[in-house]
C-alpha atoms as a PDB file:
ATOM      1  CA  MET A   1      82.276  81.362  82.027  1.00  0.00           C
ATOM      2  CA  LEU A   2      82.138  84.422  84.376  1.00  0.00           C
ATOM      3  CA  TYR A   3      85.355  82.995  85.577  1.00  0.00           C
ATOM      4  CA  TYR A   4      86.877  83.023  81.827  1.00  0.00           C
ATOM      5  CA  ALA A   5      85.324  86.499  82.022  1.00  0.00           C
ATOM      6  CA  LEU A   6      87.483  87.205  84.576  1.00  0.00           C
ATOM      7  CA  ALA A   7      90.571  85.679  84.553  1.00  0.00           C
ATOM      8  CA  ASN A   8      91.129  84.848  80.868  1.00  0.00           C
ATOM      9  CA  GLN A   9      91.703  81.580  82.022  1.00  0.00           C
ATOM     10  CA  LYS A  10      89.782  78.022  81.581  1.00  0.00           C
ATOM     11  CA  TYR A  11      87.884  76.691  84.038  1.00  0.00           C
ATOM     12  CA  LYS A  12      89.223  74.377  85.787  1.00  0.00           C
ATOM     13  CA  TYR A  13      88.920  74.022  89.609  1.00  0.00           C
ATOM     14  CA  ASP A  14      92.444  73.976  91.423  1.00  0.00           C
ATOM     15  CA  ASP A  15      93.628  75.740  93.593  1.00  0.00           C
ATOM     16  CA  GLN A  16      95.252  77.667  91.539  1.00  0.00           C
ATOM     17  CA  MET A  17      91.685  79.008  90.974  1.00  0.00           C
ATOM     18  CA  VAL A  18      91.032  78.836  94.768  1.00  0.00           C
ATOM     19  CA  THR A  19      93.880  81.524  95.992  1.00  0.00           C
ATOM     20  CA  TRP A  20      92.756  82.998  92.405  1.00  0.00           C
ATOM     21  CA  LEU A  21      89.575  83.979  93.934  1.00  0.00           C
ATOM     22  CA  ARG A  22      91.364  84.574  97.324  1.00  0.00           C
ATOM     23  CA  GLN A  23      92.854  87.895  95.276  1.00  0.00           C
ATOM     24  CA  GLU A  24      90.617  88.657  94.266  1.00  0.00           C
ATOM     25  CA  MET A  25      87.741  88.662  97.113  1.00  0.00           C
ATOM     26  CA  LYS A  26      91.552  89.921  99.378  1.00  0.00           C
ATOM     27  CA  LEU A  27      90.388  86.938 101.743  1.00  0.00           C
ATOM     28  CA  ASN A  28      94.033  85.344 101.718  1.00  0.00           C
ATOM     29  CA  GLU A  29      93.169  82.422 104.075  1.00  0.00           C
ATOM     30  CA  GLN A  30      89.822  83.687 105.251  1.00  0.00           C
ATOM     31  CA  LEU A  31      88.034  82.024 102.287  1.00  0.00           C
ATOM     32  CA  GLN A  32      87.095  78.387 102.899  1.00  0.00           C
ATOM     33  CA  VAL A  33      86.110  76.068 100.184  1.00  0.00           C
ATOM     34  CA  SER A  34      86.224  72.359  99.544  1.00  0.00           C
ATOM     35  CA  ASN A  35      84.597  71.328  96.005  1.00  0.00           C
ATOM     36  CA  ASP A  36      83.599  73.827  92.907  1.00  0.00           C
ATOM     37  CA  ASN A  37      80.141  73.944  94.106  1.00  0.00           C
ATOM     38  CA  GLU A  38      81.204  76.034  96.784  1.00  0.00           C
ATOM     39  CA  TRP A  39      83.953  77.910  94.411  1.00  0.00           C
ATOM     40  CA  ASP A  40      81.399  79.072  92.053  1.00  0.00           C
ATOM     41  CA  ALA A  41      78.970  79.961  95.120  1.00  0.00           C
ATOM     42  CA  ALA A  42      82.067  81.896  96.069  1.00  0.00           C
ATOM     43  CA  ILE A  43      82.313  83.667  92.913  1.00  0.00           C
ATOM     44  CA  SER A  44      78.728  84.229  92.063  1.00  0.00           C
ATOM     45  CA  ALA A  45      77.603  86.079  95.600  1.00  0.00           C
ATOM     46  CA  TRP A  46      81.922  88.134  95.174  1.00  0.00           C
ATOM     47  CA  TYR A  47      80.755  88.685  92.224  1.00  0.00           C
ATOM     48  CA  THR A  48      76.871  90.576  92.421  1.00  0.00           C
ATOM     49  CA  LEU A  49      78.357  92.146  95.423  1.00  0.00           C
ATOM     50  CA  VAL A  50      80.784  93.718  93.729  1.00  0.00           C
ATOM     51  CA  SER A  51      78.283  94.576  90.737  1.00  0.00           C
ATOM     52  CA  ILE A  52      75.502  96.102  93.100  1.00  0.00           C
ATOM     53  CA  GLU A  53      78.561  98.228  94.245  1.00  0.00           C
ATOM     54  CA  GLN A  54      79.585  99.531  90.933  1.00  0.00           C
ATOM     55  CA  GLU A  55      77.416 102.426  90.188  1.00  0.00           C
ATOM     56  CA  SER A  56      76.663 101.420  86.388  1.00  0.00           C
ATOM     57  CA  PRO A  57      76.919  97.698  86.374  1.00  0.00           C
ATOM     58  CA  ARG A  58      76.613  95.573  83.225  1.00  0.00           C
ATOM     59  CA  ASP A  59      73.337  93.497  83.706  1.00  0.00           C
ATOM     60  CA  LEU A  60      72.995  91.092  80.347  1.00  0.00           C
ATOM     61  CA  VAL A  61      69.075  90.960  81.612  1.00  0.00           C
ATOM     62  CA  ASP A  62      68.433  94.350  80.630  1.00  0.00           C
ATOM     63  CA  GLU A  63      70.672  94.229  77.972  1.00  0.00           C
ATOM     64  CA  PHE A  64      69.342  91.378  76.245  1.00  0.00           C
ATOM     65  CA  GLN A  65      64.884  90.774  77.758  1.00  0.00           C
ATOM     66  CA  ALA A  66      62.460  89.850  75.596  1.00  0.00           C
ATOM     67  CA  ASP A  67      59.594  90.935  75.463  1.00  0.00           C
ATOM     68  CA  ASN A  68      57.529  88.027  76.490  1.00  0.00           C
ATOM     69  CA  ALA A  69      59.920  86.758  79.697  1.00  0.00           C
ATOM     70  CA  ILE A  70      58.437  85.526  82.442  1.00  0.00           C
ATOM     71  CA  TYR A  71      59.582  86.214  85.216  1.00  0.00           C
ATOM     72  CA  PRO A  72      57.829  84.867  88.264  1.00  0.00           C
ATOM     73  CA  VAL A  73      60.016  86.019  91.406  1.00  0.00           C
ATOM     74  CA  GLY A  74      60.367  89.517  90.590  1.00  0.00           C
ATOM     75  CA  LYS A  75      62.552  91.537  88.300  1.00  0.00           C
ATOM     76  CA  VAL A  76      66.380  89.393  88.870  1.00  0.00           C
ATOM     77  CA  HIS A  77      69.857  90.706  87.889  1.00  0.00           C
ATOM     78  CA  PHE A  78      72.434  88.769  85.569  1.00  0.00           C
ATOM     79  CA  TYR A  79      75.775  90.693  86.463  1.00  0.00           C
ATOM     80  CA  TRP A  80      78.348  90.886  83.161  1.00  0.00           C
ATOM     81  CA  PRO A  81      81.485  92.417  83.425  1.00  0.00           C
ATOM     82  CA  LYS A  82      81.563  95.378  81.553  1.00  0.00           C
ATOM     83  CA  SER A  83      84.914  94.272  78.743  1.00  0.00           C
END
């Protein structure tokens, strides 16, 4: 869903998605992924870093936190594009 929100394209893992992520990350050939699991990890880590670097990232946990939510590992974040 994150890929769709950012690229406005359906998720179908292929070389085009790898190329898109390389361009977004400004890494060119430095990003090497061999399967969709590695790609998912890369986009998640990259978007988390981008969101943390922003002054006011959109955090869905803050927006939709239930009063009875349980977080056994402490505070969590779910960063999402603003639009």
